[in-house]
Amino acid sequence: MPTSFHQSVIDEFRANEGKVGGPFEGGDLLLLTTTGARSGASRTTPLGYVRHHDSLLVVGSNLGGPRHPGWYHNLLARPVVRVEVGTSSFEALAVPAEGARREELFAHVVRAAPGYGDYQARTTRHLPVVVLERAEPEEWEGRPREVRTLADKLLEVHAWLRGQVRQVRAETEAHFAAPRAADAVPALGLQIRQRCLAFCQALEFHHDGEDGHLFPGIARHHPHLGDVFGRLADEHRTVARIQGELATLLAGIAVAEPRRFRAALEEMATRLDAHLDYEEEVLLPLLADVPWPPAGPAGTP
């Protein structure tokens, strides 16, 4: 739970279109909502931020204390966060910067807000610089132009999943192709880790929704498709197994076995693509006349 001070700042922020007084008056402030790494509960924290091109930067300063703040540990476990700036709110992918990029971005932050340099001087740990990127661009390849039916919505979700897999694969291949010493282990970067972990969590949520709601709803109206739903359930279990392997490999900040990760990612991409193709083949004709968003309980397929 936020402290009483933090909660008062949060309440003032939301009541005054992102403007607050006291120690934050006149500063750039956002609200970052993360999901507890252990509890799974939402946690909202007021943080100063610095703009960098189309992204926002936040720093895990913890006022120069010896440990990283709790919100930083949360976003390492669950990279998709919610950001509130002014009157706008959006989901973002949180990616800590590494190496030379971290140094470059931290220098940019200190130029805009010199106090962060003071916090760094108080501690031996490197203050994390986290880049907040919008989780969903307004357009992506394969997305339906209009979402009017449940079939359109399914295609939209599938297009997003396929796009995320392509992006993770492309970043992984570029990482392995980068020049390095012959005996160097190509440890995966945090950009790949965070994006893949976010994708795995989104895929799990999608499949849980299908298994718990969509498929049972359709099956009630189409009992003759028992074999189809049996196959889809089997494919979900196969994808979940690979997803679990990826999640295990991504559990640490540094991916200890990047080549195993690469192999598991390729298996995931192949299995998932075939699964989505089959799902579209059998389900789209059944969902083409179901309006989206549903009008209410009667809109359930």
C-alpha atoms as a PDB file:
ATOM      1  CA  MET A   1       0.000   0.000   0.000  1.00  0.00           C
ATOM      2  CA  PRO A   2       1.227   3.550  -0.684  1.00  0.00           C
ATOM      3  CA  THR A   3       2.314   5.538   2.339  1.00  0.00           C
ATOM      4  CA  SER A   4      -0.138   8.205   3.512  1.00  0.00           C
ATOM      5  CA  PHE A   5       2.118  10.865   1.926  1.00  0.00           C
ATOM      6  CA  HIS A   6       2.254   9.017  -1.395  1.00  0.00           C
ATOM      7  CA  GLN A   7      -1.503   8.480  -1.323  1.00  0.00           C
ATOM      8  CA  SER A   8      -2.101  12.187  -0.740  1.00  0.00           C
ATOM      9  CA  VAL A   9       0.106  12.991  -3.743  1.00  0.00           C
ATOM     10  CA  ILE A  10      -1.747  10.411  -5.861  1.00  0.00           C
ATOM     11  CA  ASP A  11      -5.125  11.825  -4.860  1.00  0.00           C
ATOM     12  CA  GLU A  12      -4.022  15.402  -5.554  1.00  0.00           C
ATOM     13  CA  PHE A  13      -2.532  14.388  -8.920  1.00  0.00           C
ATOM     14  CA  ARG A  14      -5.762  12.727 -10.068  1.00  0.00           C
ATOM     15  CA  ALA A  15      -7.969  15.528  -8.759  1.00  0.00           C
ATOM     16  CA  ASN A  16      -5.957  18.317 -10.441  1.00  0.00           C
ATOM     17  CA  GLU A  17      -5.087  16.978 -13.911  1.00  0.00           C
ATOM     18  CA  GLY A  18      -1.606  15.899 -12.895  1.00  0.00           C
ATOM     19  CA  LYS A  19      -0.665  19.035 -10.955  1.00  0.00           C
ATOM     20  CA  VAL A  20       0.497  18.832  -7.343  1.00  0.00           C
ATOM     21  CA  GLY A  21       1.993  21.182  -4.789  1.00  0.00           C
ATOM     22  CA  GLY A  22       4.507  20.710  -2.003  1.00  0.00           C
ATOM     23  CA  PRO A  23       7.925  19.277  -2.918  1.00  0.00           C
ATOM     24  CA  PHE A  24       6.667  18.266  -6.395  1.00  0.00           C
ATOM     25  CA  GLU A  25       5.267  21.688  -7.328  1.00  0.00           C
ATOM     26  CA  GLY A  26       6.398  22.779 -10.774  1.00  0.00           C
ATOM     27  CA  GLY A  27       8.120  19.459 -11.485  1.00  0.00           C
ATOM     28  CA  ASP A  28       7.333  16.792 -14.066  1.00  0.00           C
ATOM     29  CA  LEU A  29       5.456  14.066 -12.204  1.00  0.00           C
ATOM     30  CA  LEU A  30       3.807  10.853 -13.330  1.00  0.00           C
ATOM     31  CA  LEU A  31       2.054   8.000 -11.596  1.00  0.00           C
ATOM     32  CA  LEU A  32       3.546   4.567 -12.249  1.00  0.00           C
ATOM     33  CA  THR A  33       1.353   1.552 -11.482  1.00  0.00           C
ATOM     34  CA  THR A  34       3.200  -1.756 -11.302  1.00  0.00           C
ATOM     35  CA  THR A  35       2.064  -5.256 -10.375  1.00  0.00           C
ATOM     36  CA  GLY A  36       3.602  -6.720  -7.233  1.00  0.00           C
ATOM     37  CA  ALA A  37       6.261  -9.298  -8.115  1.00  0.00           C
ATOM     38  CA  ARG A  38       5.074 -11.580  -5.301  1.00  0.00           C
ATOM     39  CA  SER A  39       1.640 -10.292  -4.312  1.00  0.00           C
ATOM     40  CA  GLY A  40       0.209  -9.655  -7.783  1.00  0.00           C
ATOM     41  CA  ALA A  41      -1.437  -6.514  -6.358  1.00  0.00           C
ATOM     42  CA  SER A  42      -1.356  -3.138  -8.101  1.00  0.00           C
ATOM     43  CA  ARG A  43       1.037  -0.574  -6.651  1.00  0.00           C
ATOM     44  CA  THR A  44       0.967   3.103  -7.671  1.00  0.00           C
ATOM     45  CA  THR A  45       3.974   5.342  -7.071  1.00  0.00           C
ATOM     46  CA  PRO A  46       4.422   9.066  -7.840  1.00  0.00           C
ATOM     47  CA  LEU A  47       7.717   9.586  -9.689  1.00  0.00           C
ATOM     48  CA  GLY A  48       9.555  12.407 -11.363  1.00  0.00           C
ATOM     49  CA  TYR A  49      10.268  11.819 -15.027  1.00  0.00           C
ATOM     50  CA  VAL A  50      12.299  13.201 -17.916  1.00  0.00           C
ATOM     51  CA  ARG A  51      11.247  13.101 -21.553  1.00  0.00           C
ATOM     52  CA  HIS A  52      13.556  11.549 -24.144  1.00  0.00           C
ATOM     53  CA  HIS A  53      12.179  11.664 -27.689  1.00  0.00           C
ATOM     54  CA  ASP A  54       8.911   9.655 -27.629  1.00  0.00           C
ATOM     55  CA  SER A  55       9.681   7.897 -24.347  1.00  0.00           C
ATOM     56  CA  LEU A  56       9.600   8.824 -20.675  1.00  0.00           C
ATOM     57  CA  LEU A  57      12.507   8.088 -18.337  1.00  0.00           C
ATOM     58  CA  VAL A  58      12.205   7.318 -14.629  1.00  0.00           C
ATOM     59  CA  VAL A  59      15.106   6.659 -12.273  1.00  0.00           C
ATOM     60  CA  GLY A  60      15.222   4.120  -9.440  1.00  0.00           C
ATOM     61  CA  SER A  61      16.960   6.589  -7.155  1.00  0.00           C
ATOM     62  CA  ASN A  62      15.300   5.661  -3.858  1.00  0.00           C
ATOM     63  CA  LEU A  63      16.714   9.022  -2.695  1.00  0.00           C
ATOM     64  CA  GLY A  64      20.218   7.610  -3.047  1.00  0.00           C
ATOM     65  CA  GLY A  65      19.529   4.687  -0.710  1.00  0.00           C
ATOM     66  CA  PRO A  66      21.467   1.415  -0.872  1.00  0.00           C
ATOM     67  CA  ARG A  67      18.674  -0.658  -2.447  1.00  0.00           C
ATOM     68  CA  HIS A  68      16.565  -0.400  -5.573  1.00  0.00           C
ATOM     69  CA  PRO A  69      12.972   0.723  -4.915  1.00  0.00           C
ATOM     70  CA  GLY A  70      10.156  -1.805  -4.796  1.00  0.00           C
ATOM     71  CA  TRP A  71       8.548  -0.556  -8.011  1.00  0.00           C
ATOM     72  CA  TYR A  72      11.750  -1.402  -9.884  1.00  0.00           C
ATOM     73  CA  HIS A  73      11.691  -5.024  -8.696  1.00  0.00           C
ATOM     74  CA  ASN A  74       8.006  -5.205  -9.669  1.00  0.00           C
ATOM     75  CA  LEU A  75       8.573  -4.106 -13.265  1.00  0.00           C
ATOM     76  CA  LEU A  76      11.420  -6.584 -13.676  1.00  0.00           C
ATOM     77  CA  ALA A  77       8.910  -9.340 -12.871  1.00  0.00           C
ATOM     78  CA  ARG A  78       5.963  -7.811 -14.773  1.00  0.00           C
ATOM     79  CA  PRO A  79       7.203  -5.392 -17.445  1.00  0.00           C
ATOM     80  CA  VAL A  80       3.830  -3.997 -18.543  1.00  0.00           C
ATOM     81  CA  VAL A  81       2.950  -0.999 -16.376  1.00  0.00           C
ATOM     82  CA  ARG A  82       0.359   1.780 -16.381  1.00  0.00           C
ATOM     83  CA  VAL A  83       1.492   5.380 -16.680  1.00  0.00           C
ATOM     84  CA  GLU A  84      -0.543   8.487 -15.851  1.00  0.00           C
ATOM     85  CA  VAL A  85       0.752  11.836 -17.104  1.00  0.00           C
ATOM     86  CA  GLY A  86      -1.476  14.876 -16.782  1.00  0.00           C
ATOM     87  CA  THR A  87      -4.916  13.704 -17.862  1.00  0.00           C
ATOM     88  CA  SER A  88      -3.680  10.826 -20.039  1.00  0.00           C
ATOM     89  CA  SER A  89      -3.204   7.209 -19.026  1.00  0.00           C
ATOM     90  CA  PHE A  90      -1.642   4.399 -21.046  1.00  0.00           C
ATOM     91  CA  GLU A  91       0.053   1.021 -20.764  1.00  0.00           C
ATOM     92  CA  ALA A  92       3.803   0.983 -21.233  1.00  0.00           C
ATOM     93  CA  LEU A  93       6.615  -1.521 -21.532  1.00  0.00           C
ATOM     94  CA  ALA A  94       9.237  -0.764 -18.873  1.00  0.00           C
ATOM     95  CA  VAL A  95      12.812  -1.457 -20.028  1.00  0.00           C
ATOM     96  CA  PRO A  96      15.857  -0.650 -17.853  1.00  0.00           C
ATOM     97  CA  ALA A  97      18.687   0.764 -19.955  1.00  0.00           C
ATOM     98  CA  GLU A  98      22.040  -1.037 -19.987  1.00  0.00           C
ATOM     99  CA  GLY A  99      25.695  -0.254 -20.554  1.00  0.00           C
ATOM    100  CA  ALA A 100      26.547   2.756 -22.693  1.00  0.00           C
ATOM    101  CA  ARG A 101      22.864   3.508 -23.292  1.00  0.00           C
ATOM    102  CA  ARG A 102      22.267   3.724 -19.538  1.00  0.00           C
ATOM    103  CA  GLU A 103      25.183   6.148 -19.193  1.00  0.00           C
ATOM    104  CA  GLU A 104      23.879   8.272 -22.062  1.00  0.00           C
ATOM    105  CA  LEU A 105      20.340   8.394 -20.704  1.00  0.00           C
ATOM    106  CA  PHE A 106      21.458   9.059 -17.133  1.00  0.00           C
ATOM    107  CA  ALA A 107      23.532  12.015 -18.363  1.00  0.00           C
ATOM    108  CA  HIS A 108      20.421  13.276 -20.171  1.00  0.00           C
ATOM    109  CA  VAL A 109      18.394  12.927 -16.960  1.00  0.00           C
ATOM    110  CA  VAL A 110      20.997  14.787 -14.876  1.00  0.00           C
ATOM    111  CA  ARG A 111      21.081  17.665 -17.356  1.00  0.00           C
ATOM    112  CA  ALA A 112      17.307  18.016 -16.975  1.00  0.00           C
ATOM    113  CA  ALA A 113      17.146  17.285 -13.226  1.00  0.00           C
ATOM    114  CA  PRO A 114      20.560  17.648 -11.502  1.00  0.00           C
ATOM    115  CA  GLY A 115      19.266  16.191  -8.228  1.00  0.00           C
ATOM    116  CA  TYR A 116      19.618  12.686  -9.644  1.00  0.00           C
ATOM    117  CA  GLY A 117      23.362  13.246  -9.847  1.00  0.00           C
ATOM    118  CA  ASP A 118      23.335  13.982  -6.113  1.00  0.00           C
ATOM    119  CA  TYR A 119      21.413  10.761  -5.435  1.00  0.00           C
ATOM    120  CA  GLN A 120      23.965   8.781  -7.473  1.00  0.00           C
ATOM    121  CA  ALA A 121      26.797  10.306  -5.452  1.00  0.00           C
ATOM    122  CA  ARG A 122      25.236   9.005  -2.224  1.00  0.00           C
ATOM    123  CA  THR A 123      25.325   5.310  -3.211  1.00  0.00           C
ATOM    124  CA  THR A 124      27.619   2.757  -4.793  1.00  0.00           C
ATOM    125  CA  ARG A 125      24.822   1.119  -6.789  1.00  0.00           C
ATOM    126  CA  HIS A 126      24.102   2.290 -10.329  1.00  0.00           C
ATOM    127  CA  LEU A 127      20.725   4.018 -10.273  1.00  0.00           C
ATOM    128  CA  PRO A 128      18.498   2.213 -12.800  1.00  0.00           C
ATOM    129  CA  VAL A 129      17.235   4.330 -15.686  1.00  0.00           C
ATOM    130  CA  VAL A 130      13.956   2.871 -16.956  1.00  0.00           C
ATOM    131  CA  VAL A 131      12.559   3.684 -20.377  1.00  0.00           C
ATOM    132  CA  LEU A 132       8.754   3.692 -20.537  1.00  0.00           C
ATOM    133  CA  GLU A 133       7.609   2.869 -24.085  1.00  0.00           C
ATOM    134  CA  ARG A 134       3.950   2.762 -25.074  1.00  0.00           C
ATOM    135  CA  ALA A 135       2.978  -0.914 -24.986  1.00  0.00           C
ATOM    136  CA  GLU A 136       0.639  -0.738 -27.980  1.00  0.00           C
ATOM    137  CA  PRO A 137       1.204   1.505 -30.994  1.00  0.00           C
ATOM    138  CA  GLU A 138      -1.954   2.861 -32.561  1.00  0.00           C
ATOM    139  CA  GLU A 139      -1.378   0.781 -35.699  1.00  0.00           C
ATOM    140  CA  TRP A 140       0.437  -2.452 -36.346  1.00  0.00           C
ATOM    141  CA  GLU A 141       0.787  -4.797 -39.289  1.00  0.00           C
ATOM    142  CA  GLY A 142      -2.182  -7.135 -39.744  1.00  0.00           C
ATOM    143  CA  ARG A 143      -4.549  -5.248 -37.442  1.00  0.00           C
ATOM    144  CA  PRO A 144      -8.131  -4.994 -38.807  1.00  0.00           C
ATOM    145  CA  ARG A 145      -9.026  -1.457 -39.882  1.00  0.00           C
ATOM    146  CA  GLU A 146     -12.256  -1.616 -37.902  1.00  0.00           C
ATOM    147  CA  VAL A 147     -13.242  -3.916 -35.060  1.00  0.00           C
ATOM    148  CA  ARG A 148     -16.972  -4.486 -35.358  1.00  0.00           C
ATOM    149  CA  THR A 149     -17.301  -8.192 -34.642  1.00  0.00           C
ATOM    150  CA  LEU A 150     -15.783 -10.746 -32.306  1.00  0.00           C
ATOM    151  CA  ALA A 151     -14.023 -12.190 -35.361  1.00  0.00           C
ATOM    152  CA  ASP A 152     -12.357  -8.796 -35.935  1.00  0.00           C
ATOM    153  CA  LYS A 153     -11.344  -8.665 -32.276  1.00  0.00           C
ATOM    154  CA  LEU A 154      -9.791 -12.134 -32.446  1.00  0.00           C
ATOM    155  CA  LEU A 155      -7.848 -11.119 -35.565  1.00  0.00           C
ATOM    156  CA  GLU A 156      -6.679  -7.944 -33.798  1.00  0.00           C
ATOM    157  CA  VAL A 157      -5.343  -9.905 -30.818  1.00  0.00           C
ATOM    158  CA  HIS A 158      -3.704 -12.470 -33.107  1.00  0.00           C
ATOM    159  CA  ALA A 159      -2.069  -9.706 -35.182  1.00  0.00           C
ATOM    160  CA  TRP A 160      -0.633  -8.195 -31.987  1.00  0.00           C
ATOM    161  CA  LEU A 161       0.686 -11.565 -30.783  1.00  0.00           C
ATOM    162  CA  ARG A 162       2.286 -12.315 -34.149  1.00  0.00           C
ATOM    163  CA  GLY A 163       3.832  -8.845 -34.215  1.00  0.00           C
ATOM    164  CA  GLN A 164       5.307  -9.274 -30.745  1.00  0.00           C
ATOM    165  CA  VAL A 165       6.842 -12.631 -31.684  1.00  0.00           C
ATOM    166  CA  ARG A 166       8.360 -11.112 -34.841  1.00  0.00           C
ATOM    167  CA  GLN A 167       9.839  -8.254 -32.834  1.00  0.00           C
ATOM    168  CA  VAL A 168      11.348 -10.488 -30.146  1.00  0.00           C
ATOM    169  CA  ARG A 169      12.767 -12.829 -32.797  1.00  0.00           C
ATOM    170  CA  ALA A 170      14.252  -9.922 -34.776  1.00  0.00           C
ATOM    171  CA  GLU A 171      15.840  -8.408 -31.663  1.00  0.00           C
ATOM    172  CA  THR A 172      17.191 -11.822 -30.628  1.00  0.00           C
ATOM    173  CA  GLU A 173      18.708 -12.526 -34.044  1.00  0.00           C
ATOM    174  CA  ALA A 174      20.271  -9.052 -34.146  1.00  0.00           C
ATOM    175  CA  HIS A 175      21.703  -9.653 -30.687  1.00  0.00           C
ATOM    176  CA  PHE A 176      23.298 -12.954 -31.711  1.00  0.00           C
ATOM    177  CA  ALA A 177      24.617 -11.423 -34.946  1.00  0.00           C
ATOM    178  CA  ALA A 178      26.317  -8.508 -33.174  1.00  0.00           C
ATOM    179  CA  PRO A 179      30.156  -8.579 -33.238  1.00  0.00           C
ATOM    180  CA  ARG A 180      31.780  -9.954 -30.079  1.00  0.00           C
ATOM    181  CA  ALA A 181      34.847 -11.870 -28.991  1.00  0.00           C
ATOM    182  CA  ALA A 182      34.918 -15.497 -30.133  1.00  0.00           C
ATOM    183  CA  ASP A 183      34.661 -16.853 -26.583  1.00  0.00           C
ATOM    184  CA  ALA A 184      32.060 -14.316 -25.364  1.00  0.00           C
ATOM    185  CA  VAL A 185      28.663 -15.611 -24.281  1.00  0.00           C
ATOM    186  CA  PRO A 186      25.910 -13.641 -26.070  1.00  0.00           C
ATOM    187  CA  ALA A 187      23.938 -12.893 -22.897  1.00  0.00           C
ATOM    188  CA  LEU A 188      20.547 -11.451 -23.750  1.00  0.00           C
ATOM    189  CA  GLY A 189      19.859  -7.801 -23.069  1.00  0.00           C
ATOM    190  CA  LEU A 190      17.107  -6.428 -20.870  1.00  0.00           C
ATOM    191  CA  GLN A 191      15.214  -5.098 -23.911  1.00  0.00           C
ATOM    192  CA  ILE A 192      14.710  -8.654 -25.183  1.00  0.00           C
ATOM    193  CA  ARG A 193      14.011 -10.009 -21.700  1.00  0.00           C
ATOM    194  CA  GLN A 194      11.359  -7.431 -20.875  1.00  0.00           C
ATOM    195  CA  ARG A 195       9.600  -7.630 -24.250  1.00  0.00           C
ATOM    196  CA  CYS A 196       9.538 -11.431 -24.257  1.00  0.00           C
ATOM    197  CA  LEU A 197       8.344 -11.606 -20.656  1.00  0.00           C
ATOM    198  CA  ALA A 198       5.552  -9.124 -21.431  1.00  0.00           C
ATOM    199  CA  PHE A 199       4.561 -11.178 -24.465  1.00  0.00           C
ATOM    200  CA  CYS A 200       4.467 -14.412 -22.437  1.00  0.00           C
ATOM    201  CA  GLN A 201       2.253 -12.792 -19.806  1.00  0.00           C
ATOM    202  CA  ALA A 202      -0.098 -11.362 -22.461  1.00  0.00           C
ATOM    203  CA  LEU A 203      -0.320 -14.739 -24.210  1.00  0.00           C
ATOM    204  CA  GLU A 204      -1.133 -16.485 -20.929  1.00  0.00           C
ATOM    205  CA  PHE A 205      -3.904 -13.943 -20.240  1.00  0.00           C
ATOM    206  CA  HIS A 206      -5.303 -14.417 -23.766  1.00  0.00           C
ATOM    207  CA  HIS A 207      -5.372 -18.206 -23.564  1.00  0.00           C
ATOM    208  CA  ASP A 208      -6.866 -18.157 -20.060  1.00  0.00           C
ATOM    209  CA  GLY A 209      -9.652 -15.957 -21.419  1.00  0.00           C
ATOM    210  CA  GLU A 210     -10.283 -18.301 -24.325  1.00  0.00           C
ATOM    211  CA  ASP A 211     -10.292 -21.420 -22.140  1.00  0.00           C
ATOM    212  CA  GLY A 212     -12.402 -19.850 -19.403  1.00  0.00           C
ATOM    213  CA  HIS A 213     -14.932 -17.843 -21.415  1.00  0.00           C
ATOM    214  CA  LEU A 214     -14.731 -17.779 -25.224  1.00  0.00           C
ATOM    215  CA  PHE A 215     -14.448 -21.493 -25.981  1.00  0.00           C
ATOM    216  CA  PRO A 216     -17.122 -22.665 -23.487  1.00  0.00           C
ATOM    217  CA  GLY A 217     -19.469 -19.970 -24.828  1.00  0.00           C
ATOM    218  CA  ILE A 218     -19.036 -21.101 -28.431  1.00  0.00           C
ATOM    219  CA  ALA A 219     -19.179 -24.788 -27.511  1.00  0.00           C
ATOM    220  CA  ARG A 220     -22.630 -24.363 -25.958  1.00  0.00           C
ATOM    221  CA  HIS A 221     -23.960 -23.261 -29.351  1.00  0.00           C
ATOM    222  CA  HIS A 222     -21.869 -25.707 -31.418  1.00  0.00           C
ATOM    223  CA  PRO A 223     -21.677 -29.000 -29.481  1.00  0.00           C
ATOM    224  CA  HIS A 224     -20.650 -30.869 -32.653  1.00  0.00           C
ATOM    225  CA  LEU A 225     -17.251 -29.122 -32.506  1.00  0.00           C
ATOM    226  CA  GLY A 226     -16.014 -31.077 -29.500  1.00  0.00           C
ATOM    227  CA  ASP A 227     -12.982 -32.425 -31.395  1.00  0.00           C
ATOM    228  CA  VAL A 228     -12.044 -28.904 -32.504  1.00  0.00           C
ATOM    229  CA  PHE A 229     -12.051 -27.553 -28.958  1.00  0.00           C
ATOM    230  CA  GLY A 230     -10.184 -30.632 -27.771  1.00  0.00           C
ATOM    231  CA  ARG A 231      -7.431 -29.908 -30.284  1.00  0.00           C
ATOM    232  CA  LEU A 232      -7.330 -26.219 -29.350  1.00  0.00           C
ATOM    233  CA  ALA A 233      -7.029 -27.141 -25.662  1.00  0.00           C
ATOM    234  CA  ASP A 234      -4.146 -29.514 -26.459  1.00  0.00           C
ATOM    235  CA  GLU A 235      -2.391 -26.786 -28.435  1.00  0.00           C
ATOM    236  CA  HIS A 236      -2.849 -24.344 -25.563  1.00  0.00           C
ATOM    237  CA  ARG A 237      -1.172 -26.830 -23.236  1.00  0.00           C
ATOM    238  CA  THR A 238       1.750 -27.262 -25.649  1.00  0.00           C
ATOM    239  CA  VAL A 239       2.215 -23.502 -26.002  1.00  0.00           C
ATOM    240  CA  ALA A 240       1.938 -23.118 -22.210  1.00  0.00           C
ATOM    241  CA  ARG A 241       4.721 -25.677 -21.728  1.00  0.00           C
ATOM    242  CA  ILE A 242       7.067 -23.725 -24.020  1.00  0.00           C
ATOM    243  CA  GLN A 243       5.942 -20.476 -22.437  1.00  0.00           C
ATOM    244  CA  GLY A 244       6.852 -21.907 -19.028  1.00  0.00           C
ATOM    245  CA  GLU A 245      10.324 -22.807 -20.303  1.00  0.00           C
ATOM    246  CA  LEU A 246      10.796 -19.261 -21.584  1.00  0.00           C
ATOM    247  CA  ALA A 247       9.561 -17.773 -18.310  1.00  0.00           C
ATOM    248  CA  THR A 248      12.035 -19.945 -16.368  1.00  0.00           C
ATOM    249  CA  LEU A 249      14.893 -18.812 -18.588  1.00  0.00           C
ATOM    250  CA  LEU A 250      13.806 -15.186 -18.131  1.00  0.00           C
ATOM    251  CA  ALA A 251      13.476 -15.422 -14.348  1.00  0.00           C
ATOM    252  CA  GLY A 252      16.836 -13.783 -13.673  1.00  0.00           C
ATOM    253  CA  ILE A 253      17.864 -10.331 -14.856  1.00  0.00           C
ATOM    254  CA  ALA A 254      20.657 -11.962 -16.847  1.00  0.00           C
ATOM    255  CA  VAL A 255      19.453 -14.851 -19.020  1.00  0.00           C
ATOM    256  CA  ALA A 256      21.863 -17.608 -18.067  1.00  0.00           C
ATOM    257  CA  GLU A 257      21.317 -19.821 -21.132  1.00  0.00           C
ATOM    258  CA  PRO A 258      20.675 -17.554 -24.128  1.00  0.00           C
ATOM    259  CA  ARG A 259      21.031 -20.339 -26.703  1.00  0.00           C
ATOM    260  CA  ARG A 260      18.340 -22.392 -24.949  1.00  0.00           C
ATOM    261  CA  PHE A 261      16.193 -19.260 -24.911  1.00  0.00           C
ATOM    262  CA  ARG A 262      16.709 -18.837 -28.658  1.00  0.00           C
ATOM    263  CA  ALA A 263      15.697 -22.444 -29.336  1.00  0.00           C
ATOM    264  CA  ALA A 264      12.627 -22.211 -27.095  1.00  0.00           C
ATOM    265  CA  LEU A 265      11.616 -18.941 -28.762  1.00  0.00           C
ATOM    266  CA  GLU A 266      11.832 -20.533 -32.212  1.00  0.00           C
ATOM    267  CA  GLU A 267       9.702 -23.466 -31.062  1.00  0.00           C
ATOM    268  CA  MET A 268       7.200 -21.030 -29.549  1.00  0.00           C
ATOM    269  CA  ALA A 269       7.017 -19.005 -32.771  1.00  0.00           C
ATOM    270  CA  THR A 270       6.433 -22.094 -34.931  1.00  0.00           C
ATOM    271  CA  ARG A 271       3.841 -23.682 -32.639  1.00  0.00           C
ATOM    272  CA  LEU A 272       1.990 -20.448 -31.977  1.00  0.00           C
ATOM    273  CA  ASP A 273       1.772 -19.471 -35.639  1.00  0.00           C
ATOM    274  CA  ALA A 274       0.298 -22.855 -36.569  1.00  0.00           C
ATOM    275  CA  HIS A 275      -2.112 -22.657 -33.617  1.00  0.00           C
ATOM    276  CA  LEU A 276      -3.324 -19.175 -34.550  1.00  0.00           C
ATOM    277  CA  ASP A 277      -3.814 -20.246 -38.185  1.00  0.00           C
ATOM    278  CA  TYR A 278      -5.974 -23.192 -37.116  1.00  0.00           C
ATOM    279  CA  GLU A 279      -7.909 -21.124 -34.595  1.00  0.00           C
ATOM    280  CA  GLU A 280      -8.738 -18.543 -37.259  1.00  0.00           C
ATOM    281  CA  GLU A 281      -9.744 -21.238 -39.741  1.00  0.00           C
ATOM    282  CA  VAL A 282     -12.298 -22.813 -37.403  1.00  0.00           C
ATOM    283  CA  LEU A 283     -13.464 -19.881 -35.254  1.00  0.00           C
ATOM    284  CA  LEU A 284     -13.707 -16.848 -37.526  1.00  0.00           C
ATOM    285  CA  PRO A 285     -16.777 -18.121 -39.428  1.00  0.00           C
ATOM    286  CA  LEU A 286     -18.526 -18.705 -36.076  1.00  0.00           C
ATOM    287  CA  LEU A 287     -17.716 -15.217 -34.749  1.00  0.00           C
ATOM    288  CA  ALA A 288     -18.294 -13.120 -37.877  1.00  0.00           C
ATOM    289  CA  ASP A 289     -21.845 -12.138 -36.878  1.00  0.00           C
ATOM    290  CA  VAL A 290     -21.178 -11.548 -33.165  1.00  0.00           C
ATOM    291  CA  PRO A 291     -20.949  -7.764 -32.526  1.00  0.00           C
ATOM    292  CA  TRP A 292     -17.989  -6.241 -30.685  1.00  0.00           C
ATOM    293  CA  PRO A 293     -18.056  -4.825 -28.139  1.00  0.00           C
ATOM    294  CA  PRO A 294     -20.922  -6.975 -26.867  1.00  0.00           C
ATOM    295  CA  ALA A 295     -24.105  -5.151 -25.980  1.00  0.00           C
ATOM    296  CA  GLY A 296     -24.376  -7.051 -22.682  1.00  0.00           C
ATOM    297  CA  PRO A 297     -25.016 -10.592 -21.499  1.00  0.00           C
ATOM    298  CA  ALA A 298     -26.932 -11.276 -24.697  1.00  0.00           C
ATOM    299  CA  GLY A 299     -23.806 -10.534 -26.712  1.00  0.00           C
ATOM    300  CA  THR A 300     -22.022 -13.637 -25.439  1.00  0.00           C
ATOM    301  CA  PRO A 301     -21.422 -15.998 -28.385  1.00  0.00           C
END
